[in-house]
Each structure stands twice: as structure tokens, then as C-alpha cells.
N, C-alpha and C. Protein backbone atom coordinates (compact mmCIF):
# COMPACT_ATOMS: atom_id res chain seq x y z
N MET A 1 11.81 -20.43 -9.38
CA MET A 1 11.49 -20.38 -10.74
C MET A 1 12.53 -20.84 -11.48
N LEU A 2 13.76 -19.40 -12.19
CA LEU A 2 14.25 -18.78 -13.64
C LEU A 2 13.86 -19.95 -14.45
N SER A 3 12.63 -19.35 -15.34
CA SER A 3 12.56 -19.55 -15.93
C SER A 3 12.11 -17.84 -17.08
N ASP A 4 12.13 -18.52 -18.44
CA ASP A 4 12.53 -17.47 -19.00
C ASP A 4 10.53 -16.42 -19.51
N GLN A 5 9.64 -16.55 -17.89
CA GLN A 5 8.45 -16.42 -18.24
C GLN A 5 8.81 -15.05 -18.19
N PRO A 6 8.39 -13.65 -18.77
CA PRO A 6 7.93 -12.34 -17.45
C PRO A 6 7.76 -12.21 -16.37
N THR A 7 7.65 -11.89 -14.97
CA THR A 7 7.25 -12.09 -13.64
C THR A 7 7.15 -10.41 -13.85
N GLN A 8 5.33 -10.77 -13.05
CA GLN A 8 4.72 -9.27 -13.31
C GLN A 8 4.57 -8.84 -11.34
N THR A 9 5.12 -7.72 -11.39
CA THR A 9 4.50 -7.44 -9.45
C THR A 9 4.48 -6.13 -9.00
N VAL A 10 3.50 -5.67 -8.18
CA VAL A 10 3.09 -4.67 -8.35
C VAL A 10 4.16 -4.06 -6.39
N GLY A 11 4.48 -2.48 -6.50
CA GLY A 11 5.24 -1.54 -5.72
C GLY A 11 4.59 -0.46 -5.37
N ARG A 12 4.81 0.30 -3.62
CA ARG A 12 3.71 0.61 -3.22
C ARG A 12 4.80 1.90 -2.07
N ARG A 13 3.79 2.87 -2.88
CA ARG A 13 4.90 3.79 -1.56
C ARG A 13 4.40 5.74 -1.42
N LYS A 14 3.89 5.66 0.14
CA LYS A 14 2.49 6.68 0.19
C LYS A 14 1.53 6.51 -1.16
N THR A 15 1.71 7.54 -2.50
CA THR A 15 0.13 7.85 -2.99
C THR A 15 0.79 6.49 -4.32
N SER A 16 1.86 6.05 -4.26
CA SER A 16 2.90 5.98 -5.71
C SER A 16 2.35 4.27 -6.36
N VAL A 17 1.87 4.26 -8.00
CA VAL A 17 2.23 2.27 -7.86
C VAL A 17 2.48 2.24 -8.45
N ALA A 18 3.82 1.25 -9.06
CA ALA A 18 4.47 1.55 -9.66
C ALA A 18 4.11 -0.52 -10.70
N ARG A 19 3.79 -1.06 -11.45
CA ARG A 19 3.68 -2.01 -11.55
C ARG A 19 5.52 -2.39 -12.66
N ILE A 20 6.13 -3.49 -12.29
CA ILE A 20 7.69 -3.90 -12.87
C ILE A 20 6.52 -5.12 -13.56
N THR A 21 7.77 -5.38 -15.11
CA THR A 21 7.29 -5.96 -16.00
C THR A 21 8.48 -6.42 -16.14
N LEU A 22 9.59 -7.96 -14.67
CA LEU A 22 10.49 -8.01 -15.91
C LEU A 22 10.88 -9.40 -16.72
N ARG A 23 11.98 -9.05 -17.52
CA ARG A 23 12.50 -10.67 -18.41
C ARG A 23 14.05 -10.82 -18.24
N PRO A 24 14.47 -11.55 -18.96
CA PRO A 24 15.31 -11.29 -18.70
C PRO A 24 16.55 -11.27 -20.21
N GLY A 25 17.70 -10.54 -20.22
CA GLY A 25 17.72 -9.60 -21.32
C GLY A 25 19.04 -9.16 -20.84
N SER A 26 18.96 -7.77 -22.03
CA SER A 26 19.85 -7.43 -21.74
C SER A 26 20.13 -6.13 -21.03
N GLY A 27 19.92 -5.40 -20.50
CA GLY A 27 19.70 -4.83 -18.88
C GLY A 27 18.57 -2.83 -19.54
N GLY A 28 18.13 -3.02 -19.94
CA GLY A 28 17.29 -2.59 -20.34
C GLY A 28 16.40 -1.96 -19.94
N PHE A 29 16.05 -0.44 -19.37
CA PHE A 29 15.10 -0.29 -18.56
C PHE A 29 13.86 0.68 -19.37
N SER A 30 12.44 0.68 -19.00
CA SER A 30 11.92 1.71 -19.49
C SER A 30 10.73 2.16 -18.66
N VAL A 31 10.61 2.63 -18.19
CA VAL A 31 9.77 4.25 -17.18
C VAL A 31 8.78 4.38 -18.08
N ASN A 32 7.19 4.21 -17.61
CA ASN A 32 6.12 4.87 -18.86
C ASN A 32 7.04 5.49 -20.27
N GLY A 33 7.00 4.37 -20.48
CA GLY A 33 8.55 4.86 -22.10
C GLY A 33 9.14 5.65 -21.91
N ARG A 34 9.59 5.75 -20.98
CA ARG A 34 10.44 6.67 -21.14
C ARG A 34 12.01 5.78 -20.54
N THR A 35 13.18 6.22 -21.16
CA THR A 35 14.44 5.67 -20.50
C THR A 35 13.71 6.42 -18.55
N LEU A 36 15.03 5.47 -18.71
CA LEU A 36 15.09 5.45 -16.67
C LEU A 36 15.79 6.44 -16.06
N GLU A 37 16.48 7.08 -16.75
CA GLU A 37 17.31 9.22 -16.58
C GLU A 37 16.52 9.95 -17.39
N ASP A 38 15.89 9.48 -18.27
CA ASP A 38 15.07 10.80 -18.88
C ASP A 38 14.11 10.64 -17.82
N TYR A 39 13.21 9.69 -17.02
CA TYR A 39 11.99 10.21 -16.69
C TYR A 39 12.57 10.43 -14.38
N PHE A 40 13.84 9.91 -14.03
CA PHE A 40 14.07 10.60 -13.23
C PHE A 40 15.76 11.20 -13.07
N PRO A 41 15.78 12.29 -13.86
CA PRO A 41 17.07 13.33 -13.71
C PRO A 41 18.39 12.75 -12.57
N ARG A 42 17.47 13.24 -11.29
CA ARG A 42 18.46 13.39 -10.35
C ARG A 42 19.06 11.78 -10.24
N PRO A 43 20.08 11.50 -10.03
CA PRO A 43 21.20 10.29 -9.85
C PRO A 43 20.50 9.41 -8.01
N ALA A 44 20.43 10.33 -7.55
CA ALA A 44 20.02 9.77 -6.20
C ALA A 44 18.62 8.93 -6.61
N HIS A 45 17.63 9.12 -7.30
CA HIS A 45 16.82 8.88 -7.18
C HIS A 45 16.93 7.76 -8.01
N ARG A 46 17.83 7.54 -8.87
CA ARG A 46 18.35 6.11 -10.73
C ARG A 46 18.87 5.17 -9.26
N VAL A 47 20.37 5.93 -8.51
CA VAL A 47 20.93 4.85 -7.78
C VAL A 47 19.83 3.83 -6.80
N ARG A 48 19.12 5.25 -6.05
CA ARG A 48 17.85 3.95 -5.36
C ARG A 48 16.24 3.33 -5.93
N ILE A 49 16.96 3.11 -6.66
CA ILE A 49 16.69 2.25 -7.72
C ILE A 49 17.27 0.76 -7.95
N GLU A 50 18.05 1.40 -8.75
CA GLU A 50 18.82 0.69 -9.42
C GLU A 50 19.78 -0.64 -7.45
N ASP A 51 19.36 0.20 -6.49
CA ASP A 51 19.91 -0.83 -5.70
C ASP A 51 19.78 -2.01 -5.99
N PRO A 52 18.14 -2.67 -5.84
CA PRO A 52 18.06 -4.16 -6.03
C PRO A 52 19.13 -5.35 -7.03
N LEU A 53 18.82 -4.64 -7.88
CA LEU A 53 19.80 -5.28 -8.67
C LEU A 53 21.42 -5.77 -8.73
N ARG A 54 20.82 -3.80 -8.90
CA ARG A 54 22.33 -3.66 -7.60
C ARG A 54 23.31 -5.48 -6.36
N VAL A 55 22.16 -4.99 -5.59
CA VAL A 55 23.09 -6.07 -5.02
C VAL A 55 23.47 -7.58 -4.54
N THR A 56 22.37 -8.38 -6.48
CA THR A 56 22.05 -9.66 -6.59
C THR A 56 22.76 -9.89 -8.03
N GLY A 57 23.62 -8.48 -7.85
CA GLY A 57 24.90 -8.59 -9.47
C GLY A 57 23.90 -8.70 -10.72
N SER A 58 23.14 -8.85 -11.10
CA SER A 58 20.95 -9.13 -12.29
C SER A 58 21.47 -8.20 -12.82
N GLU A 59 22.76 -6.76 -12.23
CA GLU A 59 22.20 -4.91 -13.90
C GLU A 59 21.75 -5.31 -14.93
N ARG A 60 23.55 -6.54 -15.77
CA ARG A 60 22.52 -6.60 -16.96
C ARG A 60 21.71 -8.04 -17.18
N GLY A 61 21.10 -9.20 -16.41
CA GLY A 61 20.54 -9.97 -16.87
C GLY A 61 19.46 -9.75 -17.19
N PHE A 62 18.17 -8.16 -16.95
CA PHE A 62 16.62 -8.52 -17.50
C PHE A 62 16.55 -6.90 -18.09
N ASP A 63 15.66 -6.74 -18.93
CA ASP A 63 15.37 -5.74 -19.14
C ASP A 63 13.11 -5.58 -18.20
N VAL A 64 13.79 -4.52 -17.77
CA VAL A 64 12.37 -3.82 -16.70
C VAL A 64 11.88 -2.95 -17.29
N GLN A 65 10.81 -3.76 -17.84
CA GLN A 65 9.38 -2.04 -18.32
C GLN A 65 8.65 -1.80 -16.80
N VAL A 66 8.33 -0.92 -16.61
CA VAL A 66 7.67 -0.18 -15.46
C VAL A 66 6.86 0.97 -15.80
N ARG A 67 5.30 0.87 -15.26
CA ARG A 67 4.14 1.86 -15.31
C ARG A 67 4.02 2.17 -14.18
N VAL A 68 4.39 3.21 -13.82
CA VAL A 68 4.37 3.99 -12.69
C VAL A 68 3.31 5.74 -12.44
N HIS A 69 2.52 5.69 -11.64
CA HIS A 69 1.32 6.40 -11.69
C HIS A 69 1.42 6.96 -10.13
N GLY A 70 1.06 8.45 -10.10
CA GLY A 70 0.61 8.70 -8.06
C GLY A 70 1.50 9.26 -8.03
N GLY A 71 1.03 10.47 -6.63
CA GLY A 71 3.71 11.22 -5.88
C GLY A 71 3.66 11.34 -7.08
N GLY A 72 5.12 12.38 -6.32
CA GLY A 72 6.18 12.09 -6.81
C GLY A 72 6.75 11.39 -6.98
N LEU A 73 8.18 11.98 -7.13
CA LEU A 73 9.02 11.58 -8.01
C LEU A 73 9.25 10.41 -7.30
N THR A 74 9.97 11.38 -5.49
CA THR A 74 10.74 10.00 -4.44
C THR A 74 9.88 8.41 -4.57
N GLY A 75 8.19 8.80 -3.76
CA GLY A 75 7.39 7.61 -3.79
C GLY A 75 7.43 6.84 -4.94
N GLN A 76 7.72 7.24 -5.93
CA GLN A 76 7.73 6.93 -7.84
C GLN A 76 9.43 5.86 -7.57
N ALA A 77 10.78 6.37 -6.94
CA ALA A 77 11.29 5.94 -7.24
C ALA A 77 11.55 4.34 -6.03
N ASP A 78 10.27 4.28 -5.19
CA ASP A 78 10.67 4.32 -3.72
C ASP A 78 9.95 2.43 -4.53
N ALA A 79 8.78 3.07 -4.89
CA ALA A 79 7.39 2.63 -5.60
C ALA A 79 8.24 1.29 -6.48
N ILE A 80 9.05 1.72 -6.62
CA ILE A 80 9.33 1.02 -8.57
C ILE A 80 10.61 -0.24 -7.59
N ARG A 81 11.54 0.51 -6.96
CA ARG A 81 12.59 0.14 -5.97
C ARG A 81 11.60 -0.97 -5.06
N MET A 82 10.64 -1.32 -4.51
CA MET A 82 9.88 -2.36 -4.15
C MET A 82 9.29 -3.42 -4.99
N GLY A 83 9.29 -2.21 -6.50
CA GLY A 83 8.52 -3.61 -6.87
C GLY A 83 9.30 -4.47 -8.34
N LEU A 84 10.88 -3.98 -7.81
CA LEU A 84 11.87 -4.36 -8.73
C LEU A 84 12.76 -5.48 -7.78
N SER A 85 12.66 -5.20 -6.57
CA SER A 85 12.80 -5.98 -5.68
C SER A 85 11.60 -7.16 -5.34
N ARG A 86 10.47 -7.50 -5.17
CA ARG A 86 9.81 -8.20 -5.31
C ARG A 86 9.77 -8.95 -6.25
N ALA A 87 10.18 -8.81 -7.22
CA ALA A 87 10.30 -9.39 -8.93
C ALA A 87 10.90 -10.17 -9.34
N LEU A 88 12.05 -9.77 -8.90
CA LEU A 88 13.74 -10.98 -8.44
C LEU A 88 13.69 -11.66 -7.43
N SER A 89 12.77 -11.70 -6.67
CA SER A 89 12.79 -13.01 -5.61
C SER A 89 11.49 -14.34 -6.44
N VAL A 90 10.62 -12.97 -7.00
CA VAL A 90 10.09 -13.88 -7.20
C VAL A 90 10.70 -15.18 -8.63
N HIS A 91 11.66 -14.33 -9.45
CA HIS A 91 11.78 -15.19 -10.44
C HIS A 91 13.05 -15.86 -9.82
N ASP A 92 14.38 -15.29 -8.96
CA ASP A 92 14.72 -16.47 -8.15
C ASP A 92 14.85 -16.68 -6.15
N PRO A 93 14.36 -17.67 -6.48
CA PRO A 93 13.85 -17.04 -4.37
C PRO A 93 15.23 -17.29 -3.41
N ASP A 94 16.60 -16.98 -4.36
CA ASP A 94 17.70 -17.35 -3.51
C ASP A 94 17.37 -15.93 -2.99
N LEU A 95 17.25 -15.47 -4.08
CA LEU A 95 17.74 -13.56 -4.38
C LEU A 95 17.08 -13.40 -3.24
N ARG A 96 16.10 -13.90 -2.67
CA ARG A 96 15.25 -13.45 -0.90
C ARG A 96 16.02 -12.81 -0.41
N PRO A 97 16.76 -13.63 0.41
CA PRO A 97 17.08 -12.92 1.79
C PRO A 97 18.14 -12.12 1.78
N PRO A 98 18.50 -11.24 0.76
CA PRO A 98 19.87 -9.98 0.99
C PRO A 98 18.56 -9.18 0.19
N LEU A 99 17.36 -9.61 -0.47
CA LEU A 99 16.69 -8.36 -0.44
C LEU A 99 16.10 -8.28 0.50
N ARG A 100 15.27 -8.92 2.00
CA ARG A 100 15.12 -9.25 3.09
C ARG A 100 15.89 -8.12 3.89
N GLU A 101 16.97 -8.10 3.98
CA GLU A 101 18.50 -7.94 4.85
C GLU A 101 18.25 -6.69 4.92
N LEU A 102 18.91 -5.94 3.50
CA LEU A 102 18.43 -4.58 3.46
C LEU A 102 17.37 -4.01 3.78
N GLY A 103 16.03 -4.29 3.27
CA GLY A 103 14.56 -3.73 3.91
C GLY A 103 14.24 -3.41 2.48
N MET A 104 14.09 -3.76 1.56
CA MET A 104 14.16 -4.15 0.02
C MET A 104 12.31 -4.39 -0.09
N LEU A 105 12.38 -5.55 0.75
CA LEU A 105 10.90 -6.13 0.44
C LEU A 105 9.89 -5.50 1.10
N THR A 106 9.90 -4.97 2.00
CA THR A 106 9.61 -4.08 3.42
C THR A 106 8.94 -2.84 2.90
N ARG A 107 7.29 -3.24 2.79
CA ARG A 107 6.11 -1.67 2.45
C ARG A 107 7.00 -1.02 3.08
N ASP A 108 6.57 0.49 2.98
CA ASP A 108 7.11 2.19 3.74
C ASP A 108 5.50 1.69 3.54
N ALA A 109 4.68 2.04 4.50
CA ALA A 109 3.74 2.35 4.84
C ALA A 109 3.33 4.84 5.63
N ARG A 110 4.56 4.22 5.73
CA ARG A 110 4.35 6.35 6.15
C ARG A 110 3.68 6.58 5.06
N LYS A 111 2.60 7.83 5.49
CA LYS A 111 1.79 8.13 4.22
C LYS A 111 1.80 9.82 4.92
N VAL A 112 0.65 11.17 4.52
CA VAL A 112 1.08 12.41 4.75
C VAL A 112 -0.40 11.35 5.97
N GLU A 113 -0.07 11.89 7.20
CA GLU A 113 -1.52 12.08 8.13
C GLU A 113 -2.39 13.58 7.60
N ARG A 114 -3.85 13.20 7.48
CA ARG A 114 -4.96 14.05 7.23
C ARG A 114 -4.82 15.07 7.90
N LYS A 115 -4.98 16.88 7.86
CA LYS A 115 -5.61 17.59 8.20
C LYS A 115 -7.02 17.22 9.27
N LYS A 116 -6.80 17.64 9.88
CA LYS A 116 -8.31 18.18 11.45
C LYS A 116 -8.85 19.11 11.06
N PRO A 117 -10.04 18.75 11.44
CA PRO A 117 -10.59 20.10 11.51
C PRO A 117 -10.55 21.20 12.57
N GLY A 118 -10.47 22.55 12.68
CA GLY A 118 -10.50 23.13 13.93
C GLY A 118 -8.88 22.93 13.87
N ARG A 119 -7.93 23.04 13.01
CA ARG A 119 -6.47 22.98 12.99
C ARG A 119 -6.33 23.09 12.16
N PRO A 120 -4.67 24.73 11.72
CA PRO A 120 -4.05 24.63 10.90
C PRO A 120 -3.65 23.56 10.11
N LYS A 121 -3.12 22.20 10.96
CA LYS A 121 -2.44 20.97 9.90
C LYS A 121 -2.91 20.01 10.64
N ALA A 122 -1.92 18.73 10.08
CA ALA A 122 -2.57 18.50 10.65
C ALA A 122 -2.45 18.27 12.88
N ARG A 123 -1.32 18.37 12.81
CA ARG A 123 -0.77 18.06 14.64
C ARG A 123 -0.54 19.62 14.50
N LYS A 124 -0.80 20.67 14.25
CA LYS A 124 -0.46 22.13 14.13
C LYS A 124 -1.84 22.32 15.27
N ARG A 125 -1.27 23.10 16.48
CA ARG A 125 -2.33 24.52 16.69
C ARG A 125 -2.02 26.13 16.39
N PHE A 126 -3.64 26.31 16.45
CA PHE A 126 -2.88 27.27 17.05
C PHE A 126 -3.13 28.07 17.84
N GLN A 127 -1.83 29.16 18.00
CA GLN A 127 -0.80 30.16 18.96
C GLN A 127 -2.48 29.52 20.43
N PHE A 128 -1.87 29.45 20.86
CA PHE A 128 -2.60 29.92 22.43
C PHE A 128 -2.66 31.83 23.45
N SER A 129 -3.61 31.69 23.28
CA SER A 129 -3.58 33.57 24.09
C SER A 129 -3.76 33.25 25.72
N LYS A 130 -2.80 33.66 26.82
CA LYS A 130 -3.56 33.37 28.25
C LYS A 130 -4.72 34.56 28.38
N ARG A 131 -4.96 35.75 27.50
CA ARG A 131 -5.76 37.11 28.07
C ARG A 131 -5.70 37.46 26.55
């Protein structure tokens, strides 16, 4: 594509949904109207989010605006990572192979398993008593 038009994509992880708007710019990052450092105080989350930009060498080439809801901070960070990877691959199809190779375009389908009736948790059972 390689145009000046904004690219919009969606990323999901667990129960988190992130909507990404990617525009050519100077490297600004906004998450729900706040800075990345303000919204994600843990450096591990920020590193995970910025991975797609670092891998493709586009840290300063785009302004990223994110709206994310649902789940916790880890799920939200991974949802943003996936959405950002998708946006980069839509913007420039040549970036798709390195992102695919590192698994950034693959949806992580793991979710919390529901609790079953007659059990204390999803798989745990009450202690068996022989007598």
C-alpha cells in the first residue's frame, strides 16, 4: 500500500480487544488518550508492544493511536501487539514475512476455561475419600 492514509486494524487476546490506527508520522504513541508509559507502567508490557516496530525498523516512522478495552494489562498489551503487527503488514506487505516468522500475526486463542458444575474450579475435583 505505502500511502499516507491511516490504517485501521483490530488485535485480540483473551478478552481484550485493541483497535489500532496507524499513520505516517514522528513516532507518537497514544493508548486510550494517555501515553504508552502512563497506561503501561511495566517495562515488559511496553517492550512487547513495541516489538513489531522494532523488528520492522519503523520506530520513528508512524504515529499510533490505540483504543483498547477488556481483560487485564497483559492481555491488552498482546492485543495491541497483534493489531500493530497487522497494521504494519497492511501498510507495507513487505513487512509481513518477518512479523509472521516471529509469530506476531498469529492470534493466541487461549482463554480461561469455564468452571464446570460439581467442581471447585474448571478441572479441579474435590478430594476423594475412600471411607
